[in-house]
């Protein structure tokens, strides 16, 4: 689905969704999406793809040190988790009885809230 104005295709995931990681070091693990960068087509998943970042001493952190934080994962490596089965699924979009566009699981046909 291409948009009229900003020409970026809609993403199949959004913040708060539970996703299954289908590629990379964290393959097979599930997590919750914390944020999505639409321009770069990447998402940060809670507790996944952890990287070590060295922090310089500053006024707020006088000690400095090493911090672990989540790094973004490309959305092509993520699959939405079906609310009914708990497995990964593809999604589709359809209009509900109110005329609003909703996402649904292609595996079970269940509407995905969010």
PDB file of N, CA and C in Angstrom:
ATOM      1  N   UNK A   1       0.840  -1.187   0.000  1.00  0.00           N
ATOM      2  CA  UNK A   1       0.000   0.000   0.000  1.00  0.00           C
ATOM      3  C   UNK A   1       0.877   1.239   0.000  1.00  0.00           C
ATOM      4  N   UNK A   2       0.843   1.957  -1.052  1.00  0.00           N
ATOM      5  CA  UNK A   2       1.657   3.171  -1.118  1.00  0.00           C
ATOM      6  C   UNK A   2       0.814   4.376  -0.742  1.00  0.00           C
ATOM      7  N   UNK A   3       1.406   5.272  -0.019  1.00  0.00           N
ATOM      8  CA  UNK A   3       0.691   6.462   0.432  1.00  0.00           C
ATOM      9  C   UNK A   3       0.726   7.550  -0.632  1.00  0.00           C
ATOM     10  N   UNK A   4      -0.209   8.491  -0.557  1.00  0.00           N
ATOM     11  CA  UNK A   4      -0.292   9.549  -1.552  1.00  0.00           C
ATOM     12  C   UNK A   4       0.797  10.597  -1.364  1.00  0.00           C
ATOM     13  N   UNK A   5       1.134  10.940  -0.121  1.00  0.00           N
ATOM     14  CA  UNK A   5       1.965  12.114   0.098  1.00  0.00           C
ATOM     15  C   UNK A   5       3.423  11.811   0.426  1.00  0.00           C
ATOM     16  N   UNK A   6       3.705  10.955   1.415  1.00  0.00           N
ATOM     17  CA  UNK A   6       5.111  10.784   1.779  1.00  0.00           C
ATOM     18  C   UNK A   6       5.796   9.616   1.068  1.00  0.00           C
ATOM     19  N   UNK A   7       5.078   8.870   0.257  1.00  0.00           N
ATOM     20  CA  UNK A   7       5.632   7.834  -0.624  1.00  0.00           C
ATOM     21  C   UNK A   7       6.410   6.724   0.076  1.00  0.00           C
ATOM     22  N   UNK A   8       6.234   6.579   1.385  1.00  0.00           N
ATOM     23  CA  UNK A   8       6.840   5.448   2.077  1.00  0.00           C
ATOM     24  C   UNK A   8       5.762   4.393   2.291  1.00  0.00           C
ATOM     25  N   UNK A   9       6.036   3.133   1.943  1.00  0.00           N
ATOM     26  CA  UNK A   9       5.024   2.105   2.145  1.00  0.00           C
ATOM     27  C   UNK A   9       4.724   1.912   3.631  1.00  0.00           C
ATOM     28  N   UNK A  10       3.503   1.497   3.937  1.00  0.00           N
ATOM     29  CA  UNK A  10       3.131   1.231   5.325  1.00  0.00           C
ATOM     30  C   UNK A  10       3.912   0.027   5.827  1.00  0.00           C
ATOM     31  N   UNK A  11       4.190   0.025   7.106  1.00  0.00           N
ATOM     32  CA  UNK A  11       4.920  -1.078   7.719  1.00  0.00           C
ATOM     33  C   UNK A  11       3.929  -2.081   8.311  1.00  0.00           C
ATOM     34  N   UNK A  12       4.340  -3.332   8.407  1.00  0.00           N
ATOM     35  CA  UNK A  12       3.468  -4.362   8.959  1.00  0.00           C
ATOM     36  C   UNK A  12       3.524  -4.425  10.483  1.00  0.00           C
ATOM     37  N   UNK A  13       4.419  -3.637  11.087  1.00  0.00           N
ATOM     38  CA  UNK A  13       4.564  -3.641  12.541  1.00  0.00           C
ATOM     39  C   UNK A  13       4.461  -2.223  13.068  1.00  0.00           C
ATOM     40  N   UNK A  14       4.135  -2.109  14.363  1.00  0.00           N
ATOM     41  CA  UNK A  14       4.168  -0.809  15.019  1.00  0.00           C
ATOM     42  C   UNK A  14       4.529  -0.991  16.488  1.00  0.00           C
ATOM     43  N   UNK A  15       4.776   0.102  17.170  1.00  0.00           N
ATOM     44  CA  UNK A  15       5.201   0.048  18.572  1.00  0.00           C
ATOM     45  C   UNK A  15       4.170  -0.700  19.406  1.00  0.00           C
ATOM     46  N   UNK A  16       4.667  -1.539  20.308  1.00  0.00           N
ATOM     47  CA  UNK A  16       3.787  -2.286  21.196  1.00  0.00           C
ATOM     48  C   UNK A  16       3.462  -3.684  20.691  1.00  0.00           C
ATOM     49  N   UNK A  17       3.725  -3.981  19.416  1.00  0.00           N
ATOM     50  CA  UNK A  17       3.462  -5.316  18.870  1.00  0.00           C
ATOM     51  C   UNK A  17       4.469  -6.320  19.413  1.00  0.00           C
ATOM     52  N   UNK A  18       4.045  -7.572  19.486  1.00  0.00           N
ATOM     53  CA  UNK A  18       4.960  -8.656  19.806  1.00  0.00           C
ATOM     54  C   UNK A  18       5.405  -9.273  18.494  1.00  0.00           C
ATOM     55  N   UNK A  19       6.719  -9.416  18.326  1.00  0.00           N
ATOM     56  CA  UNK A  19       7.257  -9.926  17.064  1.00  0.00           C
ATOM     57  C   UNK A  19       8.163 -11.127  17.293  1.00  0.00           C
ATOM     58  N   UNK A  20       8.317 -11.908  16.232  1.00  0.00           N
ATOM     59  CA  UNK A  20       9.230 -13.038  16.198  1.00  0.00           C
ATOM     60  C   UNK A  20      10.392 -12.644  15.299  1.00  0.00           C
ATOM     61  N   UNK A  21      11.614 -12.856  15.772  1.00  0.00           N
ATOM     62  CA  UNK A  21      12.790 -12.530  14.970  1.00  0.00           C
ATOM     63  C   UNK A  21      13.103 -13.748  14.104  1.00  0.00           C
ATOM     64  N   UNK A  22      13.165 -13.532  12.780  1.00  0.00           N
ATOM     65  CA  UNK A  22      13.303 -14.656  11.852  1.00  0.00           C
ATOM     66  C   UNK A  22      14.690 -14.768  11.236  1.00  0.00           C
ATOM     67  N   UNK A  23      15.601 -13.830  11.562  1.00  0.00           N
ATOM     68  CA  UNK A  23      16.958 -13.900  11.015  1.00  0.00           C
ATOM     69  C   UNK A  23      17.922 -13.216  11.970  1.00  0.00           C
ATOM     70  N   UNK A  24      19.183 -13.629  11.913  1.00  0.00           N
ATOM     71  CA  UNK A  24      20.213 -13.005  12.732  1.00  0.00           C
ATOM     72  C   UNK A  24      20.542 -13.806  13.976  1.00  0.00           C
ATOM     73  N   UNK A  25      21.321 -13.205  14.873  1.00  0.00           N
ATOM     74  CA  UNK A  25      21.776 -13.888  16.086  1.00  0.00           C
ATOM     75  C   UNK A  25      20.629 -14.231  17.026  1.00  0.00           C
ATOM     76  N   UNK A  26      19.578 -13.440  17.022  1.00  0.00           N
ATOM     77  CA  UNK A  26      18.449 -13.628  17.939  1.00  0.00           C
ATOM     78  C   UNK A  26      17.317 -14.439  17.308  1.00  0.00           C
ATOM     79  N   UNK A  27      17.601 -15.166  16.232  1.00  0.00           N
ATOM     80  CA  UNK A  27      16.589 -15.905  15.478  1.00  0.00           C
ATOM     81  C   UNK A  27      15.771 -16.831  16.377  1.00  0.00           C
ATOM     82  N   UNK A  28      14.441 -16.772  16.214  1.00  0.00           N
ATOM     83  CA  UNK A  28      13.549 -17.642  16.979  1.00  0.00           C
ATOM     84  C   UNK A  28      13.046 -17.042  18.271  1.00  0.00           C
ATOM     85  N   UNK A  29      13.561 -15.896  18.679  1.00  0.00           N
ATOM     86  CA  UNK A  29      13.142 -15.259  19.930  1.00  0.00           C
ATOM     87  C   UNK A  29      12.003 -14.279  19.685  1.00  0.00           C
ATOM     88  N   UNK A  30      11.193 -14.071  20.723  1.00  0.00           N
ATOM     89  CA  UNK A  30      10.076 -13.133  20.632  1.00  0.00           C
ATOM     90  C   UNK A  30      10.339 -11.949  21.548  1.00  0.00           C
ATOM     91  N   UNK A  31       9.831 -10.788  21.149  1.00  0.00           N
ATOM     92  CA  UNK A  31       9.990  -9.586  21.961  1.00  0.00           C
ATOM     93  C   UNK A  31       8.977  -8.532  21.572  1.00  0.00           C
ATOM     94  N   UNK A  32       8.911  -7.500  22.401  1.00  0.00           N
ATOM     95  CA  UNK A  32       7.970  -6.401  22.192  1.00  0.00           C
ATOM     96  C   UNK A  32       8.701  -5.236  21.530  1.00  0.00           C
ATOM     97  N   UNK A  33       8.050  -4.589  20.575  1.00  0.00           N
ATOM     98  CA  UNK A  33       8.665  -3.462  19.866  1.00  0.00           C
ATOM     99  C   UNK A  33       8.572  -2.212  20.719  1.00  0.00           C
ATOM    100  N   UNK A  34       9.723  -1.561  20.934  1.00  0.00           N
ATOM    101  CA  UNK A  34       9.771  -0.326  21.705  1.00  0.00           C
ATOM    102  C   UNK A  34       9.589   0.888  20.812  1.00  0.00           C
ATOM    103  N   UNK A  35      10.238   0.891  19.641  1.00  0.00           N
ATOM    104  CA  UNK A  35      10.092   2.015  18.718  1.00  0.00           C
ATOM    105  C   UNK A  35      10.376   1.562  17.296  1.00  0.00           C
ATOM    106  N   UNK A  36       9.839   2.331  16.335  1.00  0.00           N
ATOM    107  CA  UNK A  36      10.016   2.028  14.917  1.00  0.00           C
ATOM    108  C   UNK A  36      10.511   3.280  14.209  1.00  0.00           C
ATOM    109  N   UNK A  37      11.562   3.131  13.391  1.00  0.00           N
ATOM    110  CA  UNK A  37      12.055   4.229  12.557  1.00  0.00           C
ATOM    111  C   UNK A  37      11.586   3.944  11.129  1.00  0.00           C
ATOM    112  N   UNK A  38      10.544   4.664  10.689  1.00  0.00           N
ATOM    113  CA  UNK A  38       9.955   4.388   9.382  1.00  0.00           C
ATOM    114  C   UNK A  38      10.897   4.723   8.234  1.00  0.00           C
ATOM    115  N   UNK A  39      11.667   5.789   8.365  1.00  0.00           N
ATOM    116  CA  UNK A  39      12.552   6.205   7.286  1.00  0.00           C
ATOM    117  C   UNK A  39      13.639   5.160   7.023  1.00  0.00           C
ATOM    118  N   UNK A  40      14.213   4.616   8.082  1.00  0.00           N
ATOM    119  CA  UNK A  40      15.279   3.621   7.942  1.00  0.00           C
ATOM    120  C   UNK A  40      14.741   2.194   7.898  1.00  0.00           C
ATOM    121  N   UNK A  41      13.418   2.029   8.135  1.00  0.00           N
ATOM    122  CA  UNK A  41      12.752   0.724   8.145  1.00  0.00           C
ATOM    123  C   UNK A  41      13.397  -0.229   9.163  1.00  0.00           C
ATOM    124  N   UNK A  42      13.612   0.297  10.367  1.00  0.00           N
ATOM    125  CA  UNK A  42      14.210  -0.485  11.440  1.00  0.00           C
ATOM    126  C   UNK A  42      13.378  -0.351  12.709  1.00  0.00           C
ATOM    127  N   UNK A  43      13.472  -1.332  13.587  1.00  0.00           N
ATOM    128  CA  UNK A  43      12.720  -1.318  14.836  1.00  0.00           C
ATOM    129  C   UNK A  43      13.631  -1.747  15.980  1.00  0.00           C
ATOM    130  N   UNK A  44      13.349  -1.240  17.176  1.00  0.00           N
ATOM    131  CA  UNK A  44      14.067  -1.659  18.376  1.00  0.00           C
ATOM    132  C   UNK A  44      13.157  -2.601  19.144  1.00  0.00           C
ATOM    133  N   UNK A  45      13.657  -3.821  19.382  1.00  0.00           N
ATOM    134  CA  UNK A  45      12.896  -4.851  20.081  1.00  0.00           C
ATOM    135  C   UNK A  45      13.465  -4.998  21.484  1.00  0.00           C
ATOM    136  N   UNK A  46      12.574  -5.036  22.464  1.00  0.00           N
ATOM    137  CA  UNK A  46      12.953  -5.072  23.877  1.00  0.00           C
ATOM    138  C   UNK A  46      13.824  -6.290  24.201  1.00  0.00           C
ATOM    139  N   UNK A  47      15.048  -6.037  24.689  1.00  0.00           N
ATOM    140  CA  UNK A  47      15.951  -7.097  25.130  1.00  0.00           C
ATOM    141  C   UNK A  47      16.662  -7.856  24.019  1.00  0.00           C
ATOM    142  N   UNK A  48      16.498  -7.454  22.757  1.00  0.00           N
ATOM    143  CA  UNK A  48      17.110  -8.167  21.638  1.00  0.00           C
ATOM    144  C   UNK A  48      18.180  -7.310  20.965  1.00  0.00           C
ATOM    145  N   UNK A  49      19.138  -7.970  20.323  1.00  0.00           N
ATOM    146  CA  UNK A  49      20.215  -7.313  19.575  1.00  0.00           C
ATOM    147  C   UNK A  49      20.971  -6.317  20.461  1.00  0.00           C
ATOM    148  N   UNK A  50      21.379  -6.791  21.643  1.00  0.00           N
ATOM    149  CA  UNK A  50      22.066  -5.938  22.611  1.00  0.00           C
ATOM    150  C   UNK A  50      23.497  -5.635  22.139  1.00  0.00           C
ATOM    151  N   UNK A  51      23.886  -4.367  22.273  1.00  0.00           N
ATOM    152  CA  UNK A  51      25.236  -3.931  21.945  1.00  0.00           C
ATOM    153  C   UNK A  51      25.838  -3.243  23.160  1.00  0.00           C
ATOM    154  N   UNK A  52      27.172  -3.211  23.220  1.00  0.00           N
ATOM    155  CA  UNK A  52      27.880  -2.559  24.308  1.00  0.00           C
ATOM    156  C   UNK A  52      28.302  -1.176  23.859  1.00  0.00           C
ATOM    157  N   UNK A  53      27.984  -0.179  24.645  1.00  0.00           N
ATOM    158  CA  UNK A  53      28.317   1.200  24.297  1.00  0.00           C
ATOM    159  C   UNK A  53      29.170   1.780  25.419  1.00  0.00           C
ATOM    160  N   UNK A  54      30.296   2.377  25.055  1.00  0.00           N
ATOM    161  CA  UNK A  54      31.186   2.982  26.037  1.00  0.00           C
ATOM    162  C   UNK A  54      30.765   4.433  26.246  1.00  0.00           C
ATOM    163  N   UNK A  55      30.550   4.806  27.505  1.00  0.00           N
ATOM    164  CA  UNK A  55      30.061   6.140  27.850  1.00  0.00           C
ATOM    165  C   UNK A  55      31.198   6.949  28.454  1.00  0.00           C
ATOM    166  N   UNK A  56      31.433   8.137  27.900  1.00  0.00           N
ATOM    167  CA  UNK A  56      32.446   9.035  28.446  1.00  0.00           C
ATOM    168  C   UNK A  56      31.924   9.671  29.731  1.00  0.00           C
ATOM    169  N   UNK A  57      32.808   9.971  30.671  1.00  0.00           N
ATOM    170  CA  UNK A  57      32.348  10.687  31.865  1.00  0.00           C
ATOM    171  C   UNK A  57      31.839  12.087  31.502  1.00  0.00           C
ATOM    172  N   UNK A  58      30.658  12.426  31.997  1.00  0.00           N
ATOM    173  CA  UNK A  58      30.076  13.754  31.788  1.00  0.00           C
ATOM    174  C   UNK A  58      29.555  14.269  33.126  1.00  0.00           C
ATOM    175  N   UNK A  59      28.945  15.434  33.115  1.00  0.00           N
ATOM    176  CA  UNK A  59      28.386  15.986  34.351  1.00  0.00           C
ATOM    177  C   UNK A  59      27.258  15.107  34.884  1.00  0.00           C
ATOM    178  N   UNK A  60      26.434  14.561  33.976  1.00  0.00           N
ATOM    179  CA  UNK A  60      25.320  13.709  34.424  1.00  0.00           C
ATOM    180  C   UNK A  60      25.789  12.321  34.835  1.00  0.00           C
ATOM    181  N   UNK A  61      26.797  11.777  34.134  1.00  0.00           N
ATOM    182  CA  UNK A  61      27.360  10.475  34.501  1.00  0.00           C
ATOM    183  C   UNK A  61      28.854  10.656  34.773  1.00  0.00           C
ATOM    184  N   UNK A  62      29.234  11.098  35.990  1.00  0.00           N
ATOM    185  CA  UNK A  62      30.646  11.369  36.273  1.00  0.00           C
ATOM    186  C   UNK A  62      31.526  10.114  36.216  1.00  0.00           C
ATOM    187  N   UNK A  63      30.917   8.944  36.414  1.00  0.00           N
ATOM    188  CA  UNK A  63      31.680   7.706  36.414  1.00  0.00           C
ATOM    189  C   UNK A  63      31.989   7.236  34.985  1.00  0.00           C
ATOM    190  N   UNK A  64      31.085   7.519  34.038  1.00  0.00           N
ATOM    191  CA  UNK A  64      31.255   6.971  32.693  1.00  0.00           C
ATOM    192  C   UNK A  64      30.953   5.488  32.728  1.00  0.00           C
ATOM    193  N   UNK A  65      31.608   4.707  31.892  1.00  0.00           N
ATOM    194  CA  UNK A  65      31.473   3.261  31.969  1.00  0.00           C
ATOM    195  C   UNK A  65      30.955   2.617  30.700  1.00  0.00           C
ATOM    196  N   UNK A  66      30.500   1.392  30.850  1.00  0.00           N
ATOM    197  CA  UNK A  66      30.013   0.590  29.730  1.00  0.00           C
ATOM    198  C   UNK A  66      28.524   0.342  29.942  1.00  0.00           C
ATOM    199  N   UNK A  67      27.754   0.560  28.879  1.00  0.00           N
ATOM    200  CA  UNK A  67      26.304   0.415  28.951  1.00  0.00           C
ATOM    201  C   UNK A  67      25.854  -0.557  27.873  1.00  0.00           C
ATOM    202  N   UNK A  68      24.904  -1.433  28.208  1.00  0.00           N
ATOM    203  CA  UNK A  68      24.325  -2.333  27.211  1.00  0.00           C
ATOM    204  C   UNK A  68      22.978  -1.771  26.801  1.00  0.00           C
ATOM    205  N   UNK A  69      22.725  -1.714  25.479  1.00  0.00           N
ATOM    206  CA  UNK A  69      21.445  -1.215  24.998  1.00  0.00           C
ATOM    207  C   UNK A  69      21.042  -1.939  23.726  1.00  0.00           C
ATOM    208  N   UNK A  70      19.750  -1.828  23.379  1.00  0.00           N
ATOM    209  CA  UNK A  70      19.234  -2.500  22.187  1.00  0.00           C
ATOM    210  C   UNK A  70      19.626  -1.732  20.932  1.00  0.00           C
ATOM    211  N   UNK A  71      20.012  -2.457  19.903  1.00  0.00           N
ATOM    212  CA  UNK A  71      20.296  -1.851  18.600  1.00  0.00           C
ATOM    213  C   UNK A  71      19.122  -2.159  17.673  1.00  0.00           C
ATOM    214  N   UNK A  72      18.885  -1.306  16.675  1.00  0.00           N
ATOM    215  CA  UNK A  72      17.760  -1.543  15.764  1.00  0.00           C
ATOM    216  C   UNK A  72      17.950  -2.786  14.897  1.00  0.00           C
ATOM    217  N   UNK A  73      16.823  -3.409  14.534  1.00  0.00           N
ATOM    218  CA  UNK A  73      16.792  -4.577  13.660  1.00  0.00           C
ATOM    219  C   UNK A  73      15.954  -4.194  12.440  1.00  0.00           C
ATOM    220  N   UNK A  74      16.379  -4.602  11.254  1.00  0.00           N
ATOM    221  CA  UNK A  74      15.611  -4.289  10.050  1.00  0.00           C
ATOM    222  C   UNK A  74      14.271  -5.020  10.097  1.00  0.00           C
ATOM    223  N   UNK A  75      13.196  -4.347   9.642  1.00  0.00           N
ATOM    224  CA  UNK A  75      11.859  -4.929   9.782  1.00  0.00           C
ATOM    225  C   UNK A  75      11.649  -6.167   8.917  1.00  0.00           C
ATOM    226  N   UNK A  76      12.493  -6.378   7.903  1.00  0.00           N
ATOM    227  CA  UNK A  76      12.358  -7.595   7.092  1.00  0.00           C
ATOM    228  C   UNK A  76      12.741  -8.833   7.897  1.00  0.00           C
ATOM    229  N   UNK A  77      13.432  -8.636   9.015  1.00  0.00           N
ATOM    230  CA  UNK A  77      13.837  -9.750   9.876  1.00  0.00           C
ATOM    231  C   UNK A  77      12.852  -9.982  11.017  1.00  0.00           C
ATOM    232  N   UNK A  78      11.713  -9.306  10.989  1.00  0.00           N
ATOM    233  CA  UNK A  78      10.706  -9.425  12.036  1.00  0.00           C
ATOM    234  C   UNK A  78       9.398  -9.924  11.453  1.00  0.00           C
ATOM    235  N   UNK A  79       8.701 -10.750  12.222  1.00  0.00           N
ATOM    236  CA  UNK A  79       7.401 -11.268  11.813  1.00  0.00           C
ATOM    237  C   UNK A  79       6.455 -11.087  12.988  1.00  0.00           C
ATOM    238  N   UNK A  80       5.272 -10.578  12.714  1.00  0.00           N
ATOM    239  CA  UNK A  80       4.291 -10.342  13.761  1.00  0.00           C
ATOM    240  C   UNK A  80       3.822 -11.664  14.354  1.00  0.00           C
ATOM    241  N   UNK A  81       3.603 -11.704  15.678  1.00  0.00           N
ATOM    242  CA  UNK A  81       3.134 -12.912  16.344  1.00  0.00           C
ATOM    243  C   UNK A  81       1.612 -12.927  16.322  1.00  0.00           C
ATOM    244  N   UNK A  82       1.051 -14.054  15.888  1.00  0.00           N
ATOM    245  CA  UNK A  82      -0.405 -14.239  15.835  1.00  0.00           C
ATOM    246  C   UNK A  82      -0.949 -14.298  17.260  1.00  0.00           C
ATOM    247  N   UNK A  83      -1.956 -13.478  17.602  1.00  0.00           N
ATOM    248  CA  UNK A  83      -2.469 -13.484  18.979  1.00  0.00           C
ATOM    249  C   UNK A  83      -3.137 -14.803  19.374  1.00  0.00           C
ATOM    250  N   UNK A  84      -3.636 -15.554  18.396  1.00  0.00           N
ATOM    251  CA  UNK A  84      -4.352 -16.792  18.691  1.00  0.00           C
ATOM    252  C   UNK A  84      -3.406 -17.970  18.909  1.00  0.00           C
ATOM    253  N   UNK A  85      -2.430 -18.150  17.991  1.00  0.00           N
ATOM    254  CA  UNK A  85      -1.562 -19.324  18.040  1.00  0.00           C
ATOM    255  C   UNK A  85      -0.222 -19.067  18.726  1.00  0.00           C
ATOM    256  N   UNK A  86       0.236 -17.820  18.721  1.00  0.00           N
ATOM    257  CA  UNK A  86       1.531 -17.507  19.313  1.00  0.00           C
ATOM    258  C   UNK A  86       2.683 -17.714  18.352  1.00  0.00           C
ATOM    259  N   UNK A  87       2.390 -18.061  17.093  1.00  0.00           N
ATOM    260  CA  UNK A  87       3.418 -18.244  16.069  1.00  0.00           C
ATOM    261  C   UNK A  87       3.521 -16.995  15.212  1.00  0.00           C
ATOM    262  N   UNK A  88       4.578 -16.910  14.407  1.00  0.00           N
ATOM    263  CA  UNK A  88       4.732 -15.799  13.481  1.00  0.00           C
ATOM    264  C   UNK A  88       3.711 -15.893  12.357  1.00  0.00           C
ATOM    265  N   UNK A  89       3.268 -14.758  11.846  1.00  0.00           N
ATOM    266  CA  UNK A  89       2.295 -14.737  10.763  1.00  0.00           C
ATOM    267  C   UNK A  89       2.512 -13.524   9.876  1.00  0.00           C
ATOM    268  N   UNK A  90       2.049 -13.626   8.630  1.00  0.00           N
ATOM    269  CA  UNK A  90       2.011 -12.465   7.761  1.00  0.00           C
ATOM    270  C   UNK A  90       0.730 -11.706   8.079  1.00  0.00           C
ATOM    271  N   UNK A  91       0.672 -10.438   7.692  1.00  0.00           N
ATOM    272  CA  UNK A  91      -0.544  -9.682   7.965  1.00  0.00           C
ATOM    273  C   UNK A  91      -1.132  -9.153   6.674  1.00  0.00           C
ATOM    274  N   UNK A  92      -2.421  -8.892   6.737  1.00  0.00           N
ATOM    275  CA  UNK A  92      -3.134  -8.251   5.647  1.00  0.00           C
ATOM    276  C   UNK A  92      -3.907  -7.086   6.225  1.00  0.00           C
ATOM    277  N   UNK A  93      -4.483  -6.279   5.356  1.00  0.00           N
ATOM    278  CA  UNK A  93      -5.310  -5.163   5.811  1.00  0.00           C
ATOM    279  C   UNK A  93      -6.675  -5.281   5.163  1.00  0.00           C
ATOM    280  N   UNK A  94      -7.717  -5.045   5.945  1.00  0.00           N
ATOM    281  CA  UNK A  94      -9.072  -5.044   5.410  1.00  0.00           C
ATOM    282  C   UNK A  94      -9.905  -4.041   6.198  1.00  0.00           C
ATOM    283  N   UNK A  95     -11.025  -3.664   5.649  1.00  0.00           N
ATOM    284  CA  UNK A  95     -11.928  -2.730   6.319  1.00  0.00           C
ATOM    285  C   UNK A  95     -12.881  -3.521   7.210  1.00  0.00           C
ATOM    286  N   UNK A  96     -13.071  -3.027   8.454  1.00  0.00           N
ATOM    287  CA  UNK A  96     -14.021  -3.674   9.346  1.00  0.00           C
ATOM    288  C   UNK A  96     -15.417  -3.096   9.110  1.00  0.00           C
ATOM    289  N   UNK A  97     -16.376  -3.480   9.930  1.00  0.00           N
ATOM    290  CA  UNK A  97     -17.758  -3.033   9.729  1.00  0.00           C
ATOM    291  C   UNK A  97     -17.929  -1.527   9.911  1.00  0.00           C
ATOM    292  N   UNK A  98     -17.015  -0.874  10.635  1.00  0.00           N
ATOM    293  CA  UNK A  98     -17.063   0.580  10.808  1.00  0.00           C
ATOM    294  C   UNK A  98     -16.425   1.312   9.623  1.00  0.00           C
ATOM    295  N   UNK A  99     -15.815   0.589   8.707  1.00  0.00           N
ATOM    296  CA  UNK A  99     -15.133   1.206   7.569  1.00  0.00           C
ATOM    297  C   UNK A  99     -13.690   1.575   7.868  1.00  0.00           C
ATOM    298  N   UNK A 100     -13.203   1.166   9.044  1.00  0.00           N
ATOM    299  CA  UNK A 100     -11.835   1.478   9.433  1.00  0.00           C
ATOM    300  C   UNK A 100     -10.897   0.366   8.972  1.00  0.00           C
ATOM    301  N   UNK A 101      -9.687   0.731   8.528  1.00  0.00           N
ATOM    302  CA  UNK A 101      -8.706  -0.239   8.060  1.00  0.00           C
ATOM    303  C   UNK A 101      -8.056  -0.917   9.264  1.00  0.00           C
ATOM    304  N   UNK A 102      -8.111  -2.260   9.320  1.00  0.00           N
ATOM    305  CA  UNK A 102      -7.525  -3.012  10.427  1.00  0.00           C
ATOM    306  C   UNK A 102      -6.559  -4.061   9.878  1.00  0.00           C
ATOM    307  N   UNK A 103      -5.613  -4.468  10.723  1.00  0.00           N
ATOM    308  CA  UNK A 103      -4.674  -5.516  10.355  1.00  0.00           C
ATOM    309  C   UNK A 103      -5.247  -6.854  10.804  1.00  0.00           C
ATOM    310  N   UNK A 104      -5.019  -7.902   9.997  1.00  0.00           N
ATOM    311  CA  UNK A 104      -5.471  -9.234  10.387  1.00  0.00           C
ATOM    312  C   UNK A 104      -4.397 -10.264  10.056  1.00  0.00           C
ATOM    313  N   UNK A 105      -4.446 -11.369  10.779  1.00  0.00           N
ATOM    314  CA  UNK A 105      -3.485 -12.449  10.588  1.00  0.00           C
ATOM    315  C   UNK A 105      -3.893 -13.260   9.362  1.00  0.00           C
ATOM    316  N   UNK A 106      -2.946 -13.488   8.462  1.00  0.00           N
ATOM    317  CA  UNK A 106      -3.237 -14.298   7.277  1.00  0.00           C
ATOM    318  C   UNK A 106      -3.341 -15.779   7.646  1.00  0.00           C
ATOM    319  N   UNK A 107      -2.763 -16.159   8.793  1.00  0.00           N
ATOM    320  CA  UNK A 107      -2.782 -17.559   9.203  1.00  0.00           C
ATOM    321  C   UNK A 107      -4.147 -17.962   9.752  1.00  0.00           C
ATOM    322  N   UNK A 108      -4.704 -17.133  10.647  1.00  0.00           N
ATOM    323  CA  UNK A 108      -5.975 -17.498  11.293  1.00  0.00           C
ATOM    324  C   UNK A 108      -7.136 -16.597  10.926  1.00  0.00           C
ATOM    325  N   UNK A 109      -6.861 -15.454  10.312  1.00  0.00           N
ATOM    326  CA  UNK A 109      -7.930 -14.523   9.982  1.00  0.00           C
ATOM    327  C   UNK A 109      -8.327 -13.636  11.142  1.00  0.00           C
ATOM    328  N   UNK A 110      -7.661 -13.767  12.275  1.00  0.00           N
ATOM    329  CA  UNK A 110      -7.946 -13.008  13.493  1.00  0.00           C
ATOM    330  C   UNK A 110      -7.497 -11.554  13.323  1.00  0.00           C
ATOM    331  N   UNK A 111      -8.327 -10.607  13.775  1.00  0.00           N
ATOM    332  CA  UNK A 111      -7.958  -9.191  13.719  1.00  0.00           C
ATOM    333  C   UNK A 111      -6.920  -8.914  14.799  1.00  0.00           C
ATOM    334  N   UNK A 112      -5.871  -8.161  14.441  1.00  0.00           N
ATOM    335  CA  UNK A 112      -4.786  -7.842  15.362  1.00  0.00           C
ATOM    336  C   UNK A 112      -5.054  -6.475  15.947  1.00  0.00           C
ATOM    337  N   UNK A 113      -5.171  -6.392  17.270  1.00  0.00           N
ATOM    338  CA  UNK A 113      -5.431  -5.128  17.950  1.00  0.00           C
ATOM    339  C   UNK A 113      -4.169  -4.298  17.987  1.00  0.00           C
ATOM    340  N   UNK A 114      -4.348  -2.987  17.986  1.00  0.00           N
ATOM    341  CA  UNK A 114      -3.194  -2.119  18.118  1.00  0.00           C
ATOM    342  C   UNK A 114      -3.117  -1.059  17.082  1.00  0.00           C
TER     343      UNK A 114
END
